[in-house]
C-alpha atoms as a PDB file:
ATOM      1  CA  MET A   1     -76.372   9.581  61.864  1.00  0.00           C
ATOM      2  CA  LYS A   2     -79.223  11.115  59.837  1.00  0.00           C
ATOM      3  CA  LEU A   3     -76.857  13.840  58.658  1.00  0.00           C
ATOM      4  CA  LEU A   4     -74.329  11.211  57.490  1.00  0.00           C
ATOM      5  CA  ILE A   5     -76.996   9.264  55.550  1.00  0.00           C
ATOM      6  CA  PHE A   6     -78.335  12.481  54.023  1.00  0.00           C
ATOM      7  CA  THR A   7     -74.813  13.571  52.988  1.00  0.00           C
ATOM      8  CA  LEU A   8     -73.980  10.168  51.429  1.00  0.00           C
ATOM      9  CA  THR A   9     -77.320  10.099  49.566  1.00  0.00           C
ATOM     10  CA  LEU A  10     -76.740  13.612  48.286  1.00  0.00           C
ATOM     11  CA  ILE A  11     -73.249  12.699  47.056  1.00  0.00           C
ATOM     12  CA  LEU A  12     -74.492   9.539  45.309  1.00  0.00           C
ATOM     13  CA  PHE A  13     -77.307  11.298  43.472  1.00  0.00           C
ATOM     14  CA  THR A  14     -75.402  14.442  42.512  1.00  0.00           C
ATOM     15  CA  GLN A  15     -72.206  12.715  41.365  1.00  0.00           C
ATOM     16  CA  PRO A  16     -73.524  11.868  37.870  1.00  0.00           C
ATOM     17  CA  GLY A  17     -74.545  15.506  37.426  1.00  0.00           C
ATOM     18  CA  PHE A  18     -70.959  16.686  37.831  1.00  0.00           C
ATOM     19  CA  SER A  19     -69.623  14.309  35.202  1.00  0.00           C
ATOM     20  CA  GLN A  20     -72.100  15.124  32.436  1.00  0.00           C
ATOM     21  CA  ASN A  21     -70.709  16.026  29.059  1.00  0.00           C
ATOM     22  CA  HIS A  22     -71.121  19.639  27.982  1.00  0.00           C
ATOM     23  CA  PHE A  23     -71.026  18.924  24.233  1.00  0.00           C
ATOM     24  CA  LYS A  24     -73.784  20.960  22.619  1.00  0.00           C
ATOM     25  CA  ARG A  25     -75.674  18.873  20.058  1.00  0.00           C
ATOM     26  CA  ASN A  26     -77.577  21.583  18.148  1.00  0.00           C
ATOM     27  CA  ASP A  27     -76.283  24.218  15.737  1.00  0.00           C
ATOM     28  CA  ILE A  28     -78.139  26.939  13.894  1.00  0.00           C
ATOM     29  CA  TYR A  29     -76.071  28.811  11.327  1.00  0.00           C
ATOM     30  CA  ILE A  30     -75.873  30.865   8.162  1.00  0.00           C
ATOM     31  CA  GLU A  31     -73.860  29.369   5.314  1.00  0.00           C
ATOM     32  CA  THR A  32     -72.546  31.103   2.207  1.00  0.00           C
ATOM     33  CA  GLY A  33     -71.721  28.759  -0.625  1.00  0.00           C
ATOM     34  CA  GLY A  34     -71.823  25.196   0.605  1.00  0.00           C
ATOM     35  CA  ASN A  35     -74.903  23.004   0.413  1.00  0.00           C
ATOM     36  CA  GLY A  36     -77.353  25.912   0.041  1.00  0.00           C
ATOM     37  CA  LEU A  37     -75.522  26.904  -3.177  1.00  0.00           C
ATOM     38  CA  PHE A  38     -75.485  30.670  -2.511  1.00  0.00           C
ATOM     39  CA  ILE A  39     -76.760  31.433   0.990  1.00  0.00           C
ATOM     40  CA  SER A  40     -78.807  29.374   3.440  1.00  0.00           C
ATOM     41  CA  ALA A  41     -80.004  29.205   7.034  1.00  0.00           C
ATOM     42  CA  ASN A  42     -79.507  25.751   8.549  1.00  0.00           C
ATOM     43  CA  TYR A  43     -80.254  23.646  11.605  1.00  0.00           C
ATOM     44  CA  GLU A  44     -77.954  20.760  12.496  1.00  0.00           C
ATOM     45  CA  ARG A  45     -78.354  18.093  15.175  1.00  0.00           C
ATOM     46  CA  GLN A  46     -75.657  15.716  16.376  1.00  0.00           C
ATOM     47  CA  LEU A  47     -77.250  12.309  16.889  1.00  0.00           C
ATOM     48  CA  THR A  48     -74.724  11.228  19.525  1.00  0.00           C
ATOM     49  CA  LYS A  49     -73.734  12.724  22.878  1.00  0.00           C
ATOM     50  CA  GLU A  50     -70.153  13.072  21.642  1.00  0.00           C
ATOM     51  CA  PRO A  51     -68.952  14.522  18.325  1.00  0.00           C
ATOM     52  CA  GLY A  52     -69.938  12.065  15.605  1.00  0.00           C
ATOM     53  CA  LEU A  53     -72.880  11.539  13.264  1.00  0.00           C
ATOM     54  CA  GLY A  54     -75.199  14.481  12.603  1.00  0.00           C
ATOM     55  CA  VAL A  55     -78.024  15.556  10.295  1.00  0.00           C
ATOM     56  CA  ARG A  56     -78.802  18.957   8.831  1.00  0.00           C
ATOM     57  CA  MET A  57     -81.569  20.756   6.973  1.00  0.00           C
ATOM     58  CA  GLY A  58     -81.914  24.297   5.731  1.00  0.00           C
ATOM     59  CA  ILE A  59     -83.549  26.736   3.404  1.00  0.00           C
ATOM     60  CA  GLY A  60     -81.719  29.070   1.084  1.00  0.00           C
ATOM     61  CA  MET A  61     -81.456  30.700  -2.281  1.00  0.00           C
ATOM     62  CA  TYR A  62     -79.437  30.570  -5.449  1.00  0.00           C
ATOM     63  CA  SER A  63     -79.534  33.016  -8.333  1.00  0.00           C
ATOM     64  CA  GLU A  64     -77.932  32.884 -11.744  1.00  0.00           C
ATOM     65  CA  ASN A  65     -80.356  34.308 -14.311  1.00  0.00           C
ATOM     66  CA  THR A  66     -83.362  33.578 -12.132  1.00  0.00           C
ATOM     67  CA  PHE A  67     -84.086  33.108  -8.437  1.00  0.00           C
ATOM     68  CA  TYR A  68     -84.109  29.570  -7.005  1.00  0.00           C
ATOM     69  CA  LEU A  69     -85.374  28.440  -3.610  1.00  0.00           C
ATOM     70  CA  THR A  70     -83.005  25.776  -2.246  1.00  0.00           C
ATOM     71  CA  VAL A  71     -83.521  23.133   0.419  1.00  0.00           C
ATOM     72  CA  PRO A  72     -80.231  21.525   1.502  1.00  0.00           C
ATOM     73  CA  ILE A  73     -80.370  18.318   3.553  1.00  0.00           C
ATOM     74  CA  GLY A  74     -77.542  16.048   4.544  1.00  0.00           C
ATOM     75  CA  ILE A  75     -75.569  14.001   7.008  1.00  0.00           C
ATOM     76  CA  ASN A  76     -72.133  14.667   8.406  1.00  0.00           C
ATOM     77  CA  TYR A  77     -69.586  13.178  10.748  1.00  0.00           C
ATOM     78  CA  LEU A  78     -67.333  15.149  13.090  1.00  0.00           C
ATOM     79  CA  PHE A  79     -63.893  13.621  13.518  1.00  0.00           C
ATOM     80  CA  THR A  80     -62.023  14.852  16.585  1.00  0.00           C
ATOM     81  CA  THR A  81     -58.582  16.431  16.287  1.00  0.00           C
ATOM     82  CA  ASN A  82     -55.829  17.162  18.814  1.00  0.00           C
ATOM     83  CA  ASN A  83     -57.665  20.394  19.587  1.00  0.00           C
ATOM     84  CA  PRO A  84     -60.815  19.571  21.637  1.00  0.00           C
ATOM     85  CA  LYS A  85     -62.711  22.440  19.952  1.00  0.00           C
ATOM     86  CA  GLY A  86     -61.602  21.623  16.377  1.00  0.00           C
ATOM     87  CA  PHE A  87     -63.080  18.938  14.125  1.00  0.00           C
ATOM     88  CA  ILE A  88     -62.738  17.531  10.640  1.00  0.00           C
ATOM     89  CA  ASP A  89     -66.266  17.754   9.205  1.00  0.00           C
ATOM     90  CA  ALA A  90     -67.090  15.260   6.415  1.00  0.00           C
ATOM     91  CA  GLY A  91     -70.534  14.978   4.908  1.00  0.00           C
ATOM     92  CA  LEU A  92     -72.871  14.055   2.074  1.00  0.00           C
ATOM     93  CA  GLY A  93     -75.718  16.304   1.086  1.00  0.00           C
ATOM     94  CA  THR A  94     -78.486  16.793  -1.433  1.00  0.00           C
ATOM     95  CA  THR A  95     -79.896  20.163  -2.383  1.00  0.00           C
ATOM     96  CA  PHE A  96     -83.267  20.572  -4.040  1.00  0.00           C
ATOM     97  CA  ALA A  97     -83.659  23.803  -6.040  1.00  0.00           C
ATOM     98  CA  ARG A  98     -86.811  25.208  -7.611  1.00  0.00           C
ATOM     99  CA  GLU A  99     -87.191  28.305  -9.781  1.00  0.00           C
ATOM    100  CA  ASN A 100     -88.991  31.475  -8.654  1.00  0.00           C
ATOM    101  CA  ALA A 101     -89.346  30.317  -5.030  1.00  0.00           C
ATOM    102  CA  LYS A 102     -92.370  28.173  -5.822  1.00  0.00           C
ATOM    103  CA  LEU A 103     -93.052  25.741  -3.049  1.00  0.00           C
ATOM    104  CA  PHE A 104     -92.038  22.173  -3.799  1.00  0.00           C
ATOM    105  CA  TRP A 105     -95.545  20.808  -3.308  1.00  0.00           C
ATOM    106  CA  GLU A 106     -97.242  23.326  -5.626  1.00  0.00           C
ATOM    107  CA  LYS A 107     -98.551  22.062  -8.946  1.00  0.00           C
ATOM    108  CA  LYS A 108     -95.820  22.141 -11.584  1.00  0.00           C
ATOM    109  CA  THR A 109     -96.193  23.770 -14.986  1.00  0.00           C
ATOM    110  CA  ILE A 110     -94.272  23.311 -18.227  1.00  0.00           C
ATOM    111  CA  GLN A 111     -92.083  26.344 -17.432  1.00  0.00           C
ATOM    112  CA  ASP A 112     -90.961  25.021 -14.038  1.00  0.00           C
ATOM    113  CA  ASP A 113     -87.227  24.692 -13.748  1.00  0.00           C
ATOM    114  CA  HIS A 114     -85.873  22.642 -10.915  1.00  0.00           C
ATOM    115  CA  PHE A 115     -82.787  20.560 -10.257  1.00  0.00           C
ATOM    116  CA  VAL A 116     -81.214  18.354  -7.619  1.00  0.00           C
ATOM    117  CA  SER A 117     -77.546  18.575  -6.669  1.00  0.00           C
ATOM    118  CA  PHE A 118     -75.397  16.015  -4.886  1.00  0.00           C
ATOM    119  CA  ILE A 119     -72.845  17.746  -2.636  1.00  0.00           C
ATOM    120  CA  PRO A 120     -70.088  15.888  -0.766  1.00  0.00           C
ATOM    121  CA  SER A 121     -68.105  18.005   1.692  1.00  0.00           C
ATOM    122  CA  ILE A 122     -64.893  17.992   3.696  1.00  0.00           C
ATOM    123  CA  GLY A 123     -63.769  20.822   5.902  1.00  0.00           C
ATOM    124  CA  TYR A 124     -62.694  22.150   9.266  1.00  0.00           C
ATOM    125  CA  ARG A 125     -65.115  23.129  12.032  1.00  0.00           C
ATOM    126  CA  ARG A 126     -64.289  25.094  15.156  1.00  0.00           C
ATOM    127  CA  HIS A 127     -66.391  25.456  18.314  1.00  0.00           C
ATOM    128  CA  THR A 128     -65.646  28.546  20.400  1.00  0.00           C
ATOM    129  CA  THR A 129     -65.925  29.140  24.128  1.00  0.00           C
ATOM    130  CA  GLN A 130     -68.906  31.468  23.560  1.00  0.00           C
ATOM    131  CA  ASN A 131     -70.996  28.576  22.102  1.00  0.00           C
ATOM    132  CA  MET A 132     -70.401  29.824  18.579  1.00  0.00           C
ATOM    133  CA  MET A 133     -69.214  27.738  15.642  1.00  0.00           C
ATOM    134  CA  TRP A 134     -67.598  28.384  12.297  1.00  0.00           C
ATOM    135  CA  ARG A 135     -66.712  26.052   9.454  1.00  0.00           C
ATOM    136  CA  ILE A 136     -64.967  26.232   6.096  1.00  0.00           C
ATOM    137  CA  SER A 137     -65.518  23.395   3.625  1.00  0.00           C
ATOM    138  CA  CYS A 138     -64.773  22.196   0.134  1.00  0.00           C
ATOM    139  CA  THR A 139     -68.248  21.398  -1.259  1.00  0.00           C
ATOM    140  CA  PRO A 140     -68.173  20.444  -4.949  1.00  0.00           C
ATOM    141  CA  VAL A 141     -71.584  20.541  -6.639  1.00  0.00           C
ATOM    142  CA  ILE A 142     -72.565  17.624  -8.872  1.00  0.00           C
ATOM    143  CA  ASN A 143     -75.828  17.842 -10.832  1.00  0.00           C
ATOM    144  CA  GLN A 144     -77.308  17.519 -14.332  1.00  0.00           C
ATOM    145  CA  TYR A 145     -75.264  20.530 -15.448  1.00  0.00           C
ATOM    146  CA  GLY A 146     -71.948  18.927 -14.484  1.00  0.00           C
ATOM    147  CA  PHE A 147     -69.331  19.285 -11.760  1.00  0.00           C
ATOM    148  CA  VAL A 148     -68.547  22.659 -10.161  1.00  0.00           C
ATOM    149  CA  PRO A 149     -65.800  23.141  -7.554  1.00  0.00           C
ATOM    150  CA  TRP A 150     -67.393  25.042  -4.660  1.00  0.00           C
ATOM    151  CA  ILE A 151     -66.579  26.185  -1.135  1.00  0.00           C
ATOM    152  CA  GLY A 152     -68.738  27.010   1.842  1.00  0.00           C
ATOM    153  CA  PHE A 153     -68.323  29.113   4.942  1.00  0.00           C
ATOM    154  CA  SER A 154     -70.644  28.809   7.955  1.00  0.00           C
ATOM    155  CA  VAL A 155     -71.002  30.762  11.189  1.00  0.00           C
ATOM    156  CA  GLY A 156     -73.595  30.225  13.886  1.00  0.00           C
ATOM    157  CA  LYS A 157     -74.683  29.439  17.413  1.00  0.00           C
ATOM    158  CA  ARG A 158     -74.512  26.175  19.340  1.00  0.00           C
ATOM    159  CA  PHE A 159     -77.104  25.178  21.909  1.00  0.00           C
END
Protein backbone atom coordinates (compact mmCIF):
# COMPACT_ATOMS: atom_id res chain seq x y z
CA MET A 1 0.00 0.00 0.00
CA LYS A 2 2.85 2.40 0.84
CA LEU A 3 4.43 1.63 -2.53
CA LEU A 4 1.14 2.46 -4.31
CA ILE A 5 0.79 5.80 -2.47
CA PHE A 6 4.44 6.64 -3.15
CA THR A 7 4.04 5.81 -6.86
CA LEU A 8 0.84 7.89 -7.21
CA THR A 9 2.45 10.84 -5.38
CA LEU A 10 5.51 10.62 -7.60
CA ILE A 11 3.35 10.59 -10.74
CA LEU A 12 1.28 13.58 -9.57
CA PHE A 13 4.30 15.72 -8.74
CA THR A 14 6.42 14.82 -11.76
CA GLN A 15 3.65 15.09 -14.37
CA PRO A 16 3.91 18.89 -14.73
CA GLY A 17 7.66 18.54 -15.28
CA PHE A 18 7.12 16.41 -18.37
CA SER A 19 4.76 18.89 -19.98
CA GLN A 20 6.91 22.01 -19.57
CA ASN A 21 7.55 24.09 -22.63
CA HIS A 22 11.10 24.06 -23.98
CA PHE A 23 10.90 27.48 -25.65
CA LYS A 24 14.11 29.33 -24.84
CA ARG A 25 13.38 32.94 -23.89
CA ASN A 26 16.87 34.49 -24.14
CA ASP A 27 18.98 35.24 -27.20
CA ILE A 28 22.45 36.71 -27.46
CA TYR A 29 23.56 37.53 -30.99
CA ILE A 30 25.72 39.54 -33.35
CA GLU A 31 23.89 41.68 -35.89
CA THR A 32 25.28 43.30 -39.03
CA GLY A 33 23.19 46.15 -40.33
CA GLY A 34 19.89 46.25 -38.51
CA ASN A 35 19.27 48.31 -35.40
CA GLY A 36 22.97 48.69 -34.52
CA LEU A 37 23.49 50.44 -37.89
CA PHE A 38 26.75 48.67 -38.80
CA ILE A 39 27.53 45.91 -36.30
CA SER A 40 26.25 45.25 -32.78
CA ALA A 41 26.15 42.66 -30.01
CA ASN A 42 22.65 42.24 -28.57
CA TYR A 43 20.70 40.55 -25.80
CA GLU A 44 17.02 39.78 -26.32
CA ARG A 45 14.46 38.46 -23.84
CA GLN A 46 11.02 37.10 -24.69
CA LEU A 47 8.59 38.35 -22.05
CA THR A 48 6.21 35.42 -22.48
CA LYS A 49 6.69 31.66 -22.13
CA GLU A 50 5.63 31.21 -25.75
CA PRO A 51 6.84 33.14 -28.81
CA GLY A 52 5.41 36.65 -28.54
CA LEU A 53 6.50 40.00 -27.12
CA GLY A 54 10.21 40.57 -26.50
CA VAL A 55 12.68 43.34 -25.67
CA ARG A 56 16.24 43.84 -26.84
CA MET A 57 19.27 45.98 -26.07
CA GLY A 58 22.75 46.08 -27.52
CA ILE A 59 25.93 47.97 -28.10
CA GLY A 60 27.53 48.52 -31.47
CA MET A 61 29.31 50.82 -33.84
CA TYR A 62 28.73 52.80 -36.98
CA SER A 63 31.33 54.56 -39.09
CA GLU A 64 30.97 56.92 -42.01
CA ASN A 65 33.61 59.65 -41.74
CA THR A 66 33.96 59.18 -38.00
CA PHE A 67 33.38 56.42 -35.47
CA TYR A 68 30.04 56.30 -33.62
CA LEU A 69 29.13 54.22 -30.58
CA THR A 70 25.56 52.94 -30.99
CA VAL A 71 23.08 51.67 -28.43
CA PRO A 72 20.09 49.94 -30.06
CA ILE A 73 17.02 49.22 -27.93
CA GLY A 74 13.65 47.96 -29.02
CA ILE A 75 10.66 45.70 -28.77
CA ASN A 76 9.60 42.92 -31.10
CA TYR A 77 6.88 40.36 -31.55
CA LEU A 78 7.37 36.83 -32.87
CA PHE A 79 4.48 35.58 -34.97
CA THR A 80 4.39 31.81 -35.39
CA THR A 81 4.36 30.22 -38.84
CA ASN A 82 3.51 26.72 -40.08
CA ASN A 83 7.09 25.76 -39.24
CA PRO A 84 7.44 25.49 -35.42
CA LYS A 85 11.04 26.80 -35.62
CA GLY A 86 10.29 29.71 -38.00
CA PHE A 87 8.81 33.08 -37.04
CA ILE A 88 7.85 36.39 -38.56
CA ASP A 89 9.75 38.95 -36.46
CA ALA A 90 8.23 42.47 -36.35
CA GLY A 91 9.64 45.22 -34.20
CA LEU A 92 10.18 48.88 -33.38
CA GLY A 93 13.54 50.15 -32.27
CA THR A 94 15.49 53.27 -31.40
CA THR A 95 19.23 53.59 -31.79
CA PHE A 96 21.25 56.22 -29.99
CA ALA A 97 24.56 57.09 -31.68
CA ARG A 98 27.37 59.25 -30.33
CA GLU A 99 30.58 60.31 -32.06
CA ASN A 100 34.05 59.05 -31.06
CA ALA A 101 32.70 56.42 -28.64
CA LYS A 102 32.18 58.97 -25.88
CA LEU A 103 29.94 57.61 -23.20
CA PHE A 104 26.41 58.97 -23.25
CA TRP A 105 26.62 60.36 -19.73
CA GLU A 106 29.90 62.24 -20.28
CA LYS A 107 29.76 66.02 -20.43
CA LYS A 108 29.00 67.20 -23.96
CA THR A 109 31.05 69.78 -25.83
CA ILE A 110 30.24 71.96 -28.82
CA GLN A 111 31.91 69.46 -31.18
CA ASP A 112 29.81 66.50 -30.02
CA ASP A 113 27.88 64.88 -32.81
CA HIS A 114 25.10 62.54 -31.88
CA PHE A 115 21.83 61.41 -33.40
CA VAL A 116 18.85 59.20 -32.69
CA SER A 117 17.35 56.86 -35.28
CA PHE A 118 13.91 55.27 -35.34
CA ILE A 119 14.08 51.78 -36.88
CA PRO A 120 11.00 49.66 -37.61
CA SER A 121 11.72 46.09 -38.71
CA ILE A 122 10.08 43.10 -40.34
CA GLY A 123 11.85 39.86 -41.08
CA TYR A 124 12.14 36.12 -40.74
CA ARG A 125 13.70 34.38 -37.74
CA ARG A 126 14.70 30.74 -37.52
CA HIS A 127 15.52 28.72 -34.39
CA THR A 128 17.70 25.66 -34.96
CA THR A 129 17.87 22.36 -33.11
CA GLN A 130 21.30 23.30 -31.71
CA ASN A 131 19.80 26.29 -29.79
CA MET A 132 21.11 28.71 -32.39
CA MET A 133 19.11 31.43 -34.12
CA TRP A 134 19.43 33.48 -37.27
CA ARG A 135 17.33 36.32 -38.63
CA ILE A 136 17.17 38.47 -41.74
CA SER A 137 15.19 41.71 -41.59
CA CYS A 138 14.25 44.81 -43.51
CA THR A 139 15.20 47.64 -41.11
CA PRO A 140 14.79 51.09 -42.66
CA VAL A 141 16.55 53.87 -40.74
CA ILE A 142 14.65 57.10 -40.10
CA ASN A 143 16.49 60.01 -38.47
CA GLN A 144 17.29 63.72 -38.87
CA TYR A 145 19.25 62.93 -42.04
CA GLY A 146 16.27 61.30 -43.75
CA PHE A 147 15.12 57.80 -44.67
CA VAL A 148 17.60 55.05 -45.60
CA PRO A 149 16.52 51.56 -46.72
CA TRP A 150 18.53 49.10 -44.62
CA ILE A 151 18.75 45.37 -43.93
CA GLY A 152 20.03 43.39 -40.99
CA PHE A 153 21.34 39.89 -40.49
CA SER A 154 21.67 38.30 -37.04
CA VAL A 155 23.16 35.04 -35.80
CA GLY A 156 23.44 33.90 -32.21
CA LYS A 157 22.75 31.53 -29.36
CA ARG A 158 19.51 30.81 -27.51
CA PHE A 159 19.40 29.93 -23.84
